[in-house]
Protein backbone atom coordinates (compact mmCIF):
# COMPACT_ATOMS: atom_id res chain seq x y z
CA UNK A 1 -68.10 44.46 -52.76
CA UNK A 2 -71.38 42.55 -52.94
CA UNK A 3 -73.35 45.32 -51.22
CA UNK A 4 -71.45 47.94 -53.26
CA UNK A 5 -72.61 46.35 -56.53
CA UNK A 6 -76.16 45.82 -55.26
CA UNK A 7 -76.49 49.46 -54.21
CA UNK A 8 -75.61 50.65 -57.72
CA UNK A 9 -78.12 48.15 -59.10
CA UNK A 10 -80.93 49.21 -56.73
CA UNK A 11 -80.46 53.00 -56.81
CA UNK A 12 -77.99 53.90 -59.60
CA UNK A 13 -78.68 57.67 -59.66
CA UNK A 14 -78.45 58.10 -55.89
CA UNK A 15 -75.37 55.89 -55.73
CA UNK A 16 -73.69 57.93 -58.49
CA UNK A 17 -74.37 61.34 -56.92
CA UNK A 18 -73.34 60.18 -53.45
CA UNK A 19 -70.02 58.98 -54.85
CA UNK A 20 -69.56 62.11 -56.99
CA UNK A 21 -70.02 64.31 -53.95
CA UNK A 22 -67.52 62.26 -51.98
CA UNK A 23 -64.89 62.59 -54.71
CA UNK A 24 -65.37 66.37 -54.92
CA UNK A 25 -65.48 66.69 -51.13
CA UNK A 26 -62.14 64.92 -50.77
CA UNK A 27 -60.52 66.96 -53.53
CA UNK A 28 -61.90 70.14 -51.99
CA UNK A 29 -59.21 70.51 -49.25
CA UNK A 30 -56.36 70.38 -51.78
CA UNK A 31 -58.13 72.90 -54.02
CA UNK A 32 -58.89 75.21 -51.09
CA UNK A 33 -55.26 75.07 -49.93
CA UNK A 34 -54.05 76.25 -53.33
CA UNK A 35 -56.68 79.00 -53.55
CA UNK A 36 -56.00 80.16 -49.97
CA UNK A 37 -52.26 80.29 -50.58
CA UNK A 38 -52.74 82.57 -53.55
CA UNK A 39 -55.33 84.63 -51.67
CA UNK A 40 -53.06 85.10 -48.63
CA UNK A 41 -50.15 85.97 -50.93
CA UNK A 42 -52.33 88.58 -52.64
CA UNK A 43 -53.32 90.05 -49.25
CA UNK A 44 -49.65 90.10 -48.17
CA UNK A 45 -48.67 91.87 -51.41
CA UNK A 46 -51.43 94.43 -50.83
CA UNK A 47 -50.17 95.18 -47.29
CA UNK A 48 -46.64 95.70 -48.61
CA UNK A 49 -47.08 97.60 -51.89
CA UNK A 50 -50.60 98.93 -51.29
CA UNK A 51 -52.24 97.35 -54.36
CA UNK A 52 -53.12 93.96 -55.77
CA UNK A 53 -55.52 93.06 -58.58
CA UNK A 54 -55.72 89.40 -57.48
CA UNK A 55 -57.55 89.74 -54.13
CA UNK A 56 -61.02 90.08 -55.66
CA UNK A 57 -60.43 87.26 -58.16
CA UNK A 58 -59.23 84.83 -55.50
CA UNK A 59 -62.00 85.87 -53.07
CA UNK A 60 -64.65 85.17 -55.73
CA UNK A 61 -62.94 81.89 -56.56
CA UNK A 62 -62.89 80.92 -52.88
CA UNK A 63 -66.59 81.73 -52.44
CA UNK A 64 -67.38 79.86 -55.67
CA UNK A 65 -65.70 76.70 -54.37
CA UNK A 66 -67.73 76.77 -51.17
CA UNK A 67 -70.93 77.49 -53.13
CA UNK A 68 -70.39 74.50 -55.45
CA UNK A 69 -69.65 72.27 -52.48
CA UNK A 70 -72.87 73.31 -50.70
CA UNK A 71 -74.92 72.75 -53.87
CA UNK A 72 -73.49 69.28 -54.32
CA UNK A 73 -74.06 68.60 -50.61
CA UNK A 74 -77.74 69.47 -51.04
CA UNK A 75 -78.15 67.22 -54.10
CA UNK A 76 -76.22 64.43 -52.43
CA UNK A 77 -78.18 64.59 -49.18
CA UNK A 78 -81.51 64.37 -51.02
CA UNK A 79 -80.44 61.50 -53.28
CA UNK A 80 -78.57 59.80 -50.44
CA UNK A 81 -81.54 59.68 -48.07
CA UNK A 82 -84.12 58.88 -50.74
CA UNK A 83 -82.01 56.33 -52.59
CA UNK A 84 -79.01 54.82 -50.85
CA UNK A 85 -80.80 54.61 -47.49
CA UNK A 86 -84.59 54.55 -47.96
CA UNK A 87 -84.82 52.77 -51.31
CA UNK A 88 -82.08 50.25 -50.52
CA UNK A 89 -83.46 49.53 -47.04
CA UNK A 90 -86.91 48.96 -48.53
CA UNK A 91 -85.36 46.60 -51.10
CA UNK A 92 -83.48 44.61 -48.47
CA UNK A 93 -86.61 44.33 -46.31
CA UNK A 94 -88.45 42.80 -49.28
CA UNK A 95 -85.55 40.42 -49.94
CA UNK A 96 -85.58 39.45 -46.27
CA UNK A 97 -89.32 38.72 -46.34
CA UNK A 98 -89.06 36.77 -49.60
CA UNK A 99 -86.22 34.69 -48.20
CA UNK A 100 -88.17 34.00 -45.01
CA UNK A 101 -91.08 32.76 -47.14
CA UNK A 102 -88.84 30.35 -49.06
CA UNK A 103 -87.16 28.77 -46.05
CA UNK A 104 -88.16 25.31 -44.85
CA UNK A 105 -90.79 25.83 -42.17
CA UNK A 106 -88.83 23.57 -39.84
CA UNK A 107 -86.30 26.42 -39.51
CA UNK A 108 -88.90 28.28 -37.45
CA UNK A 109 -88.56 25.54 -34.83
CA UNK A 110 -84.77 26.07 -34.71
CA UNK A 111 -83.64 28.73 -32.21
CA UNK A 112 -80.23 29.11 -33.88
CA UNK A 113 -81.83 29.82 -37.26
CA UNK A 114 -84.13 32.31 -35.57
CA UNK A 115 -81.09 34.06 -34.02
CA UNK A 116 -79.59 34.39 -37.52
CA UNK A 117 -82.92 35.78 -38.75
CA UNK A 118 -83.01 38.28 -35.88
CA UNK A 119 -79.47 39.52 -36.59
CA UNK A 120 -80.32 39.86 -40.31
CA UNK A 121 -83.42 41.90 -39.41
CA UNK A 122 -81.34 44.14 -37.12
CA UNK A 123 -78.82 44.64 -39.93
CA UNK A 124 -81.52 45.77 -42.37
CA UNK A 125 -83.45 47.81 -39.82
CA UNK A 126 -80.24 49.56 -38.73
CA UNK A 127 -79.34 50.34 -42.39
CA UNK A 128 -75.98 48.61 -41.94
CA UNK A 129 -75.75 47.63 -45.62
CA UNK A 130 -76.15 51.22 -46.82
CA UNK A 131 -73.70 52.35 -44.15
CA UNK A 132 -71.16 49.82 -45.41
CA UNK A 133 -71.65 51.07 -48.97
CA UNK A 134 -71.01 54.66 -47.87
CA UNK A 135 -67.98 53.62 -45.82
CA UNK A 136 -66.52 51.76 -48.79
CA UNK A 137 -66.92 54.88 -50.93
CA UNK A 138 -65.39 57.07 -48.23
CA UNK A 139 -62.36 54.83 -47.82
CA UNK A 140 -61.62 55.04 -51.56
CA UNK A 141 -62.28 58.76 -52.00
CA UNK A 142 -60.64 59.82 -48.73
CA UNK A 143 -57.55 57.84 -49.72
CA UNK A 144 -57.39 59.80 -52.96
CA UNK A 145 -58.02 63.06 -51.08
CA UNK A 146 -55.18 62.30 -48.64
CA UNK A 147 -52.76 61.84 -51.53
CA UNK A 148 -53.81 65.17 -53.05
CA UNK A 149 -53.38 67.04 -49.75
CA UNK A 150 -50.12 65.18 -49.10
CA UNK A 151 -48.71 66.60 -52.32
CA UNK A 152 -49.66 70.13 -51.26
CA UNK A 153 -48.40 69.72 -47.68
CA UNK A 154 -45.10 68.21 -48.75
CA UNK A 155 -44.60 71.22 -51.00
CA UNK A 156 -44.61 73.44 -47.88
CA UNK A 157 -42.78 71.13 -45.45
CA UNK A 158 -42.44 67.35 -45.20
CA UNK A 159 -42.37 67.59 -41.40
CA UNK A 160 -46.08 68.38 -41.32
CA UNK A 161 -46.98 64.96 -42.79
CA UNK A 162 -45.63 62.62 -40.06
CA UNK A 163 -46.95 64.95 -37.33
CA UNK A 164 -50.44 64.69 -38.84
CA UNK A 165 -50.26 60.91 -39.21
CA UNK A 166 -48.98 60.29 -35.68
CA UNK A 167 -51.74 62.41 -34.17
CA UNK A 168 -54.57 60.31 -35.66
CA UNK A 169 -53.24 56.73 -35.68
CA UNK A 170 -54.96 56.00 -32.31
CA UNK A 171 -58.30 56.35 -34.11
CA UNK A 172 -57.49 53.36 -36.30
CA UNK A 173 -56.58 51.17 -33.33
CA UNK A 174 -59.63 52.20 -31.28
CA UNK A 175 -62.11 51.75 -34.14
CA UNK A 176 -60.85 48.25 -34.95
CA UNK A 177 -60.88 47.08 -31.33
CA UNK A 178 -64.13 48.76 -30.30
CA UNK A 179 -65.89 47.88 -33.58
CA UNK A 180 -65.19 44.17 -33.11
CA UNK A 181 -66.25 44.34 -29.47
CA UNK A 182 -69.52 46.04 -30.42
CA UNK A 183 -70.29 43.38 -33.03
CA UNK A 184 -69.53 40.58 -30.56
CA UNK A 185 -71.84 42.26 -28.06
CA UNK A 186 -74.72 42.52 -30.57
CA UNK A 187 -74.07 38.96 -31.77
CA UNK A 188 -74.53 37.53 -28.28
CA UNK A 189 -77.46 39.85 -27.54
CA UNK A 190 -79.56 38.42 -30.41
CA UNK A 191 -81.18 35.82 -28.14
CA UNK A 192 -81.83 38.43 -25.42
CA UNK A 193 -83.35 40.78 -27.98
CA UNK A 194 -85.71 38.03 -29.15
CA UNK A 195 -86.77 37.47 -25.54
CA UNK A 196 -87.22 41.21 -25.07
CA UNK A 197 -89.45 41.39 -28.15
CA UNK A 198 -91.43 38.37 -26.96
CA UNK A 199 -92.06 39.79 -23.49
CA UNK A 200 -93.05 43.15 -24.96
CA UNK A 201 -95.47 41.35 -27.26
CA UNK A 202 -97.12 39.76 -24.23
CA UNK A 203 -97.41 43.12 -22.49
CA UNK A 204 -99.19 44.81 -25.43
CA UNK A 205 -101.27 41.88 -26.72
CA UNK A 206 -104.93 42.18 -25.83
CA UNK A 207 -105.49 38.46 -25.27
CA UNK A 208 -102.43 37.94 -23.10
CA UNK A 209 -103.25 41.09 -21.12
CA UNK A 210 -106.63 39.66 -20.16
CA UNK A 211 -105.09 36.47 -18.81
CA UNK A 212 -102.26 38.33 -17.06
CA UNK A 213 -104.77 40.61 -15.33
CA UNK A 214 -106.85 37.70 -14.06
CA UNK A 215 -103.80 35.64 -13.06
CA UNK A 216 -102.15 38.73 -11.55
CA UNK A 217 -99.02 37.98 -13.53
CA UNK A 218 -98.76 41.34 -15.30
CA UNK A 219 -96.46 42.83 -12.68
CA UNK A 220 -94.20 39.78 -12.75
CA UNK A 221 -93.91 39.81 -16.56
CA UNK A 222 -93.36 43.59 -16.54
CA UNK A 223 -90.44 43.07 -14.15
CA UNK A 224 -89.13 40.29 -16.39
CA UNK A 225 -89.22 42.67 -19.36
CA UNK A 226 -87.57 45.48 -17.38
CA UNK A 227 -84.85 43.17 -16.08
CA UNK A 228 -84.12 41.95 -19.60
CA UNK A 229 -84.18 45.53 -20.92
CA UNK A 230 -81.85 46.73 -18.16
CA UNK A 231 -79.45 43.86 -18.79
CA UNK A 232 -79.26 44.71 -22.50
CA UNK A 233 -78.96 48.45 -21.85
CA UNK A 234 -76.30 48.02 -19.19
CA UNK A 235 -74.18 45.97 -21.57
CA UNK A 236 -74.56 48.67 -24.22
CA UNK A 237 -73.89 51.45 -21.67
CA UNK A 238 -70.65 49.81 -20.52
CA UNK A 239 -69.56 49.45 -24.13
CA UNK A 240 -70.32 53.10 -24.93
CA UNK A 241 -68.49 54.32 -21.79
CA UNK A 242 -65.33 52.48 -22.82
CA UNK A 243 -65.76 53.73 -26.37
CA UNK A 244 -66.20 57.36 -25.24
CA UNK A 245 -63.07 57.17 -23.04
CA UNK A 246 -60.94 55.82 -25.89
CA UNK A 247 -62.29 58.48 -28.28
CA UNK A 248 -61.45 61.15 -25.68
CA UNK A 249 -57.86 59.90 -25.47
CA UNK A 250 -57.63 59.93 -29.27
CA UNK A 251 -58.97 63.49 -29.38
CA UNK A 252 -56.35 64.59 -26.84
CA UNK A 253 -53.59 63.11 -29.03
CA UNK A 254 -55.07 64.79 -32.09
CA UNK A 255 -55.13 68.18 -30.34
CA UNK A 256 -51.53 67.67 -29.24
CA UNK A 257 -50.60 66.88 -32.82
CA UNK A 258 -52.35 70.00 -34.02
CA UNK A 259 -50.54 72.06 -31.37
CA UNK A 260 -47.19 70.63 -32.53
CA UNK A 261 -48.00 71.63 -36.11
CA UNK A 262 -48.82 75.20 -35.05
CA UNK A 263 -45.58 75.45 -33.11
CA UNK A 264 -43.53 73.95 -35.94
CA UNK A 265 -45.13 76.16 -38.62
CA UNK A 266 -44.71 79.26 -36.45
CA UNK A 267 -41.04 78.36 -35.97
CA UNK A 268 -40.56 78.12 -39.76
CA UNK A 269 -42.29 81.50 -40.18
CA UNK A 270 -40.11 83.19 -37.54
CA UNK A 271 -37.02 81.72 -39.17
CA UNK A 272 -38.14 83.22 -42.47
CA UNK A 273 -38.43 79.87 -44.24
CA UNK A 274 -42.08 80.52 -45.13
CA UNK A 275 -44.13 83.71 -45.49
CA UNK A 276 -46.99 84.81 -43.24
CA UNK A 277 -49.42 84.04 -46.08
CA UNK A 278 -47.99 80.57 -46.40
CA UNK A 279 -48.27 80.15 -42.60
CA UNK A 280 -52.07 80.61 -42.80
CA UNK A 281 -52.31 78.21 -45.73
CA UNK A 282 -50.20 75.65 -43.85
CA UNK A 283 -52.53 75.71 -40.85
CA UNK A 284 -55.53 75.24 -43.13
CA UNK A 285 -53.75 72.44 -44.99
CA UNK A 286 -52.78 70.71 -41.77
CA UNK A 287 -56.34 70.85 -40.39
CA UNK A 288 -57.72 69.41 -43.63
CA UNK A 289 -55.06 66.70 -43.81
CA UNK A 290 -55.52 65.69 -40.18
CA UNK A 291 -59.28 65.59 -40.60
CA UNK A 292 -58.98 63.44 -43.71
CA UNK A 293 -56.57 60.98 -42.11
CA UNK A 294 -58.79 60.78 -39.02
CA UNK A 295 -61.84 60.04 -41.20
CA UNK A 296 -59.88 57.54 -43.27
CA UNK A 297 -58.55 55.64 -40.27
CA UNK A 298 -61.93 55.76 -38.49
CA UNK A 299 -63.70 54.37 -41.56
CA UNK A 300 -61.05 51.66 -42.01
CA UNK A 301 -61.32 50.78 -38.32
CA UNK A 302 -65.14 50.64 -38.44
CA UNK A 303 -65.25 48.46 -41.57
CA UNK A 304 -64.81 45.11 -39.71
CA UNK A 305 -67.81 45.96 -37.52
CA UNK A 306 -70.01 46.90 -40.49
CA UNK A 307 -68.83 43.95 -42.56
CA UNK A 308 -69.68 41.64 -39.67
CA UNK A 309 -73.21 43.04 -39.40
CA UNK A 310 -73.75 42.83 -43.16
CA UNK A 311 -72.39 39.28 -43.24
CA UNK A 312 -75.24 38.34 -40.89
CA UNK A 313 -77.72 39.50 -43.53
CA UNK A 314 -76.00 37.50 -46.26
CA UNK A 315 -75.70 34.49 -43.96
CA UNK A 316 -79.49 34.53 -43.65
CA UNK A 317 -79.99 35.15 -47.38
CA UNK A 318 -77.75 32.16 -48.15
CA UNK A 319 -79.48 29.72 -45.80
CA UNK A 320 -80.44 26.57 -47.63
CA UNK A 321 -83.94 26.74 -49.03
CA UNK A 322 -86.32 23.89 -49.62
CA UNK A 323 -85.14 21.62 -52.37
CA UNK A 324 -86.82 22.18 -55.70
CA UNK A 325 -89.66 19.75 -56.14
CA UNK A 326 -90.06 18.19 -59.58
CA UNK A 327 -93.59 16.75 -59.79
CA UNK A 328 -96.03 19.20 -61.39
CA UNK A 329 -99.23 17.24 -61.90
CA UNK A 330 -100.97 15.42 -59.06
CA UNK A 331 -104.27 13.54 -59.15
CA UNK A 332 -105.22 11.98 -55.85
CA UNK A 333 -106.94 8.71 -56.74
CA UNK A 334 -105.98 6.00 -54.25
CA UNK A 335 -104.39 6.67 -50.87
CA UNK A 336 -101.95 8.48 -48.60
CA UNK A 337 -99.26 6.06 -47.44
CA UNK A 338 -97.02 6.87 -44.49
CA UNK A 339 -94.03 4.52 -44.53
CA UNK A 340 -91.50 4.17 -41.70
CA UNK A 341 -91.73 7.88 -40.88
CA UNK A 342 -89.71 9.34 -38.03
CA UNK A 343 -89.32 13.02 -37.20
CA UNK A 344 -87.27 15.04 -34.75
CA UNK A 345 -87.47 18.77 -34.12
CA UNK A 346 -84.21 20.78 -34.29
CA UNK A 347 -82.08 20.99 -31.15
CA UNK A 348 -84.02 18.22 -29.40
CA UNK A 349 -82.86 14.76 -28.41
CA UNK A 350 -86.23 12.96 -28.45
CA UNK A 351 -88.18 11.98 -31.56
CA UNK A 352 -91.59 13.57 -32.13
CA UNK A 353 -92.58 10.59 -34.33
CA UNK A 354 -90.98 7.17 -34.22
CA UNK A 355 -91.33 4.74 -37.16
CA UNK A 356 -94.95 5.51 -38.05
CA UNK A 357 -96.72 3.38 -40.68
CA UNK A 358 -100.31 3.85 -41.80
CA UNK A 359 -102.42 4.02 -44.96
CA UNK A 360 -105.35 6.39 -45.46
CA UNK A 361 -107.55 5.55 -48.45
CA UNK A 362 -109.22 8.15 -50.62
CA UNK A 363 -112.69 9.00 -49.35
CA UNK A 364 -111.99 7.74 -45.83
CA UNK A 365 -112.80 9.78 -42.77
CA UNK A 366 -110.04 9.14 -40.29
CA UNK A 367 -109.61 10.22 -36.68
CA UNK A 368 -106.11 10.38 -35.20
CA UNK A 369 -106.44 10.48 -31.44
CA UNK A 370 -104.17 10.34 -28.44
CA UNK A 371 -103.14 12.30 -25.41
CA UNK A 372 -101.22 15.56 -25.68
CA UNK A 373 -97.62 14.97 -26.76
CA UNK A 374 -98.37 11.69 -28.52
CA UNK A 375 -97.31 13.09 -31.94
CA UNK A 376 -100.72 13.79 -33.52
CA UNK A 377 -100.06 17.41 -34.55
CA UNK A 378 -96.60 16.60 -35.90
CA UNK A 379 -98.12 13.86 -38.07
CA UNK A 380 -100.71 16.34 -39.38
CA UNK A 381 -97.98 18.82 -40.33
CA UNK A 382 -96.10 16.10 -42.21
CA UNK A 383 -99.23 15.06 -44.14
CA UNK A 384 -99.83 18.71 -45.11
CA UNK A 385 -96.23 18.99 -46.33
CA UNK A 386 -95.37 21.69 -43.77
CA UNK A 387 -92.39 19.62 -42.54
CA UNK A 388 -90.51 16.75 -44.17
CA UNK A 389 -89.72 13.49 -42.37
CA UNK A 390 -86.18 12.88 -41.13
CA UNK A 391 -86.66 9.23 -41.99
CA UNK A 392 -89.18 7.41 -44.14
CA UNK A 393 -91.56 8.68 -46.83
CA UNK A 394 -95.10 9.92 -47.34
CA UNK A 395 -96.78 9.03 -50.64
CA UNK A 396 -99.81 10.52 -52.35
CA UNK A 397 -100.73 7.47 -54.42
CA UNK A 398 -97.26 6.51 -55.68
CA UNK A 399 -95.81 10.03 -55.66
CA UNK A 400 -93.40 10.96 -52.87
CA UNK A 401 -94.76 14.04 -51.10
CA UNK A 402 -91.27 15.56 -50.83
CA UNK A 403 -91.11 15.72 -54.65
CA UNK A 404 -94.53 17.29 -55.28
CA UNK A 405 -94.41 21.00 -56.08
CA UNK A 406 -96.23 23.14 -53.54
CA UNK A 407 -98.39 24.79 -56.19
CA UNK A 408 -99.60 21.31 -57.17
CA UNK A 409 -100.02 20.02 -53.61
CA UNK A 410 -101.83 22.89 -51.91
CA UNK A 411 -104.92 22.90 -54.18
CA UNK A 412 -105.43 19.30 -53.04
CA UNK A 413 -105.27 19.95 -49.29
CA UNK A 414 -106.91 22.19 -46.76
CA UNK A 415 -106.42 22.41 -43.04
CA UNK A 416 -107.27 23.97 -39.71
CA UNK A 417 -104.38 24.00 -37.25
CA UNK A 418 -104.45 24.41 -33.49
CA UNK A 419 -103.08 27.93 -33.81
CA UNK A 420 -105.45 28.99 -36.59
CA UNK A 421 -105.45 32.65 -37.65
CA UNK A 422 -108.23 34.99 -36.60
CA UNK A 423 -108.14 37.45 -39.51
CA UNK A 424 -109.35 40.87 -38.41
CA UNK A 425 -110.84 41.45 -41.85
CA UNK A 426 -114.44 41.37 -43.06
CA UNK A 427 -116.62 38.29 -42.53
CA UNK A 428 -116.57 37.73 -46.30
CA UNK A 429 -112.78 37.82 -46.44
CA UNK A 430 -112.43 35.54 -43.43
CA UNK A 431 -114.25 32.76 -45.28
CA UNK A 432 -113.30 33.34 -48.92
CA UNK A 433 -109.60 33.97 -48.27
CA UNK A 434 -109.09 30.22 -48.76
CA UNK A 435 -110.53 30.41 -52.29
CA UNK A 436 -110.47 33.98 -53.58
CA UNK A 437 -112.03 32.97 -56.89
CA UNK A 438 -115.36 32.95 -55.02
CA UNK A 439 -114.85 36.11 -52.96
CA UNK A 440 -118.03 37.65 -54.41
CA UNK A 441 -120.12 34.46 -54.23
CA UNK A 442 -122.35 35.47 -51.31
CA UNK A 443 -124.62 32.43 -51.64
CA UNK A 444 -121.71 30.03 -51.26
CA UNK A 445 -120.20 31.97 -48.34
CA UNK A 446 -123.50 32.07 -46.45
CA UNK A 447 -124.11 28.38 -47.09
CA UNK A 448 -120.72 27.53 -45.58
CA UNK A 449 -121.41 29.68 -42.51
CA UNK A 450 -124.73 27.89 -41.95
CA UNK A 451 -123.01 24.51 -42.30
CA UNK A 452 -120.69 25.23 -39.38
CA UNK A 453 -123.45 26.60 -37.16
CA UNK A 454 -122.95 30.34 -37.63
CA UNK A 455 -126.50 31.20 -38.73
CA UNK A 456 -126.87 33.60 -35.78
CA UNK A 457 -123.81 35.53 -36.93
CA UNK A 458 -125.38 36.01 -40.36
CA UNK A 459 -128.48 37.45 -38.71
CA UNK A 460 -126.39 39.92 -36.69
CA UNK A 461 -124.10 41.31 -39.39
CA UNK A 462 -123.43 41.66 -43.11
CA UNK A 463 -120.69 39.84 -44.99
CA UNK A 464 -118.76 43.07 -45.46
CA UNK A 465 -118.80 44.01 -41.79
CA UNK A 466 -115.49 44.06 -39.95
CA UNK A 467 -114.49 41.36 -37.47
CA UNK A 468 -112.25 42.00 -34.48
CA UNK A 469 -111.88 44.89 -32.04
CA UNK A 470 -108.59 46.08 -33.50
CA UNK A 471 -110.42 47.96 -36.28
CA UNK A 472 -113.66 48.60 -34.36
CA UNK A 473 -115.32 45.47 -35.71
CA UNK A 474 -117.42 42.80 -34.05
CA UNK A 475 -115.54 40.71 -31.52
CA UNK A 476 -116.21 36.97 -31.63
CA UNK A 477 -115.86 34.31 -28.98
CA UNK A 478 -113.10 31.71 -29.22
CA UNK A 479 -115.64 29.13 -30.36
CA UNK A 480 -116.96 31.42 -33.11
CA UNK A 481 -113.44 32.11 -34.38
CA UNK A 482 -112.84 28.36 -34.46
CA UNK A 483 -116.03 27.77 -36.44
CA UNK A 484 -114.90 30.46 -38.90
CA UNK A 485 -111.60 28.62 -39.33
CA UNK A 486 -113.46 25.37 -40.04
CA UNK A 487 -115.73 27.21 -42.50
CA UNK A 488 -112.67 28.58 -44.26
CA UNK A 489 -111.29 25.05 -44.70
CA UNK A 490 -114.63 23.75 -46.02
CA UNK A 491 -115.00 26.71 -48.40
CA UNK A 492 -111.81 25.73 -50.20
CA UNK A 493 -113.43 22.42 -51.27
CA UNK A 494 -110.16 20.53 -51.52
CA UNK A 495 -109.78 16.77 -51.96
CA UNK A 496 -108.12 16.28 -48.57
CA UNK A 497 -108.89 18.18 -45.40
CA UNK A 498 -106.87 17.97 -42.20
CA UNK A 499 -108.39 19.35 -39.01
CA UNK A 500 -106.04 19.59 -36.04
CA UNK A 501 -108.04 19.90 -32.81
CA UNK A 502 -110.84 21.66 -34.76
CA UNK A 503 -113.26 21.81 -31.82
CA UNK A 504 -110.93 22.42 -28.87
CA UNK A 505 -112.72 25.69 -28.03
CA UNK A 506 -116.18 24.12 -28.18
CA UNK A 507 -118.08 22.15 -25.57
CA UNK A 508 -118.83 18.46 -26.28
CA UNK A 509 -122.48 19.11 -27.26
CA UNK A 510 -121.56 21.77 -29.86
CA UNK A 511 -118.59 19.64 -30.93
CA UNK A 512 -120.89 16.71 -31.67
CA UNK A 513 -123.18 18.92 -33.75
CA UNK A 514 -120.33 20.45 -35.75
CA UNK A 515 -118.59 17.15 -36.42
CA UNK A 516 -121.83 15.44 -37.41
CA UNK A 517 -122.42 18.14 -40.03
CA UNK A 518 -118.76 17.99 -41.05
CA UNK A 519 -118.91 14.21 -41.52
CA UNK A 520 -121.95 14.60 -43.73
CA UNK A 521 -120.36 17.36 -45.82
CA UNK A 522 -117.15 15.38 -46.34
CA UNK A 523 -118.83 12.32 -47.86
CA UNK A 524 -116.68 11.17 -50.78
CA UNK A 525 -113.70 13.27 -49.65
CA UNK A 526 -110.72 12.39 -47.48
CA UNK A 527 -110.91 13.86 -43.99
CA UNK A 528 -108.23 13.53 -41.30
CA UNK A 529 -109.28 14.82 -37.88
CA UNK A 530 -106.65 15.18 -35.15
CA UNK A 531 -108.00 15.25 -31.61
CA UNK A 532 -107.46 14.16 -28.03
CA UNK A 533 -111.23 13.72 -27.70
CA UNK A 534 -112.91 10.44 -28.65
CA UNK A 535 -116.43 11.79 -29.19
CA UNK A 536 -115.99 12.00 -32.96
CA UNK A 537 -114.74 8.44 -33.36
CA UNK A 538 -118.17 6.85 -33.89
CA UNK A 539 -118.58 8.98 -37.03
CA UNK A 540 -115.35 8.04 -38.84
CA UNK A 541 -114.31 5.06 -40.93
CA UNK A 542 -110.94 4.54 -39.28
CA UNK A 543 -109.39 5.42 -35.95
CA UNK A 544 -105.62 5.75 -35.51
CA UNK A 545 -104.54 5.75 -31.87
CA UNK A 546 -101.18 7.28 -30.96
CA UNK A 547 -99.17 6.99 -27.78
CA UNK A 548 -95.57 7.91 -27.00
CA UNK A 549 -95.05 9.16 -30.59
CA UNK A 550 -96.05 5.84 -32.15
CA UNK A 551 -99.20 4.32 -33.61
CA UNK A 552 -100.44 1.71 -31.16
CA UNK A 553 -103.88 0.84 -32.59
CA UNK A 554 -105.79 1.09 -35.87
CA UNK A 555 -109.45 0.10 -36.38
CA UNK A 556 -113.04 1.30 -36.06
CA UNK A 557 -114.92 2.21 -32.90
CA UNK A 558 -116.32 -1.26 -32.15
CA UNK A 559 -113.10 -3.09 -32.97
CA UNK A 560 -110.97 -0.92 -30.72
CA UNK A 561 -113.43 -0.99 -27.84
CA UNK A 562 -113.44 -4.78 -27.92
CA UNK A 563 -109.63 -4.87 -27.60
CA UNK A 564 -109.84 -2.93 -24.33
CA UNK A 565 -106.44 -1.31 -24.83
CA UNK A 566 -105.43 2.38 -25.26
CA UNK A 567 -108.55 3.46 -27.16
CA UNK A 568 -110.77 1.76 -24.60
CA UNK A 569 -108.93 3.59 -21.81
CA UNK A 570 -109.37 6.96 -23.52
CA UNK A 571 -113.01 6.33 -24.28
CA UNK A 572 -113.80 5.27 -20.73
CA UNK A 573 -112.13 8.37 -19.31
CA UNK A 574 -114.16 10.70 -21.59
CA UNK A 575 -117.45 8.82 -21.95
CA UNK A 576 -119.28 11.03 -19.43
CA UNK A 577 -118.67 14.08 -21.65
CA UNK A 578 -120.79 12.63 -24.45
CA UNK A 579 -123.73 10.95 -22.66
CA UNK A 580 -125.93 14.00 -23.11
CA UNK A 581 -124.89 14.32 -26.76
CA UNK A 582 -126.00 10.73 -27.39
């Protein structure tokens, strides 16, 4: 009923005409039976007495009925495709995207939530909601049509009714059983379909193709994709074979039922209980009635399958969203305080952060360092408000970060993540997309590019030139894309900037140059730099050392070296990288 109401809300005209056509279509058999009976009677009278003034009238009436039906079919098909299917599917796609944008970002780390999302996408892409709406309408109108034909049939002979019903009952049983089996199959295939999409993405992605070619792994991954595809297709093929066999058995029973009706009606005609004209009308009535009952039972039987698919969409739509935050106004004046923070990713047993405590004062430049897997990136995501702690709190001054509205928080912060986006847009857009108010400020854009060491790029191209090979633009190296991402973060000019492995694609010499400029540019602002490299640590005010998902040391470069603990070990292992830079 929910999708029924929504369809009328989204496309009222199309929904109305599609339903109107269904009502007329289901009344049509009863009307045709009555017209045919009179027409056959008129023909029979003409053969006996040699004249009848009703043949032409009934013939015109019969043709008129078919003409009206075809006209309504044309109107219905146009409005149905343009409205009930296309318009509604477009609407549900938008709702799906809007919902995805409102979900807590931690859901995207949860495979079960992603399976729900995949099934919801399949539901919308397969137009299951519109199909359910049409099925609901058909069940109602066909039921009414069956009653109308039943009245006509029973007028001729009540025996024709049970014969018709018995011949199509198998359709109901098969649709219910096979519909549920098909849904269960698609439900359990959601994970396989995600894997199939992922492998296909690797096979068509330009970057992954380069690595696969060099590593000679393309053939292996192609076989992986084909094996997964074949597994999915074989499951579907086995389902369709069983389904086709059951439908064949049902068709045989229906034909037998139709044969029984012919025999029974012929017997009544031979006995003189009904006329030859009525015999023709009876056969037409029986065909219409059997067809209607078959459609009715098939639609009823298929409803559980369609309802199950549509329920997946509504399950996704009803997933809990992020709690409404209440704090509107934020002025960052003092510090960021991380108090007893622990965090654990969904469906994992180990903590990604374990009881972390640290304070970052306004205007400080802080480096958070540690080996891979120590929890640095997770801490960065918590500071940016991307995820919320499972335990503990993060405060901006005295305001709990979990209560600050996103539209108030995001103007304060800027960041470059490990998996930064390489926008295949113009050079201008790549920089100014972080602060579109200055999209046309060429002086400011060029200044930012120079600050991150991209002067050569400015000499080679204009700001409105395209970047990226996808649209025949200029392809950049990994290091250049990373510098662009850093420039984008600087261009925003926010109070707090978080850089997560900002120079991972750069060599130590270039890294030193970039970070030296960055340190100078961030004077008076709060900068948090996440890295597994220690080369930047001489430039910052505070160093936070992480190990095994905990903070193990806090201090400046000299203090931590003198302790000769974790920081000292990291520095000693990397010192050779930076001798030339010094």
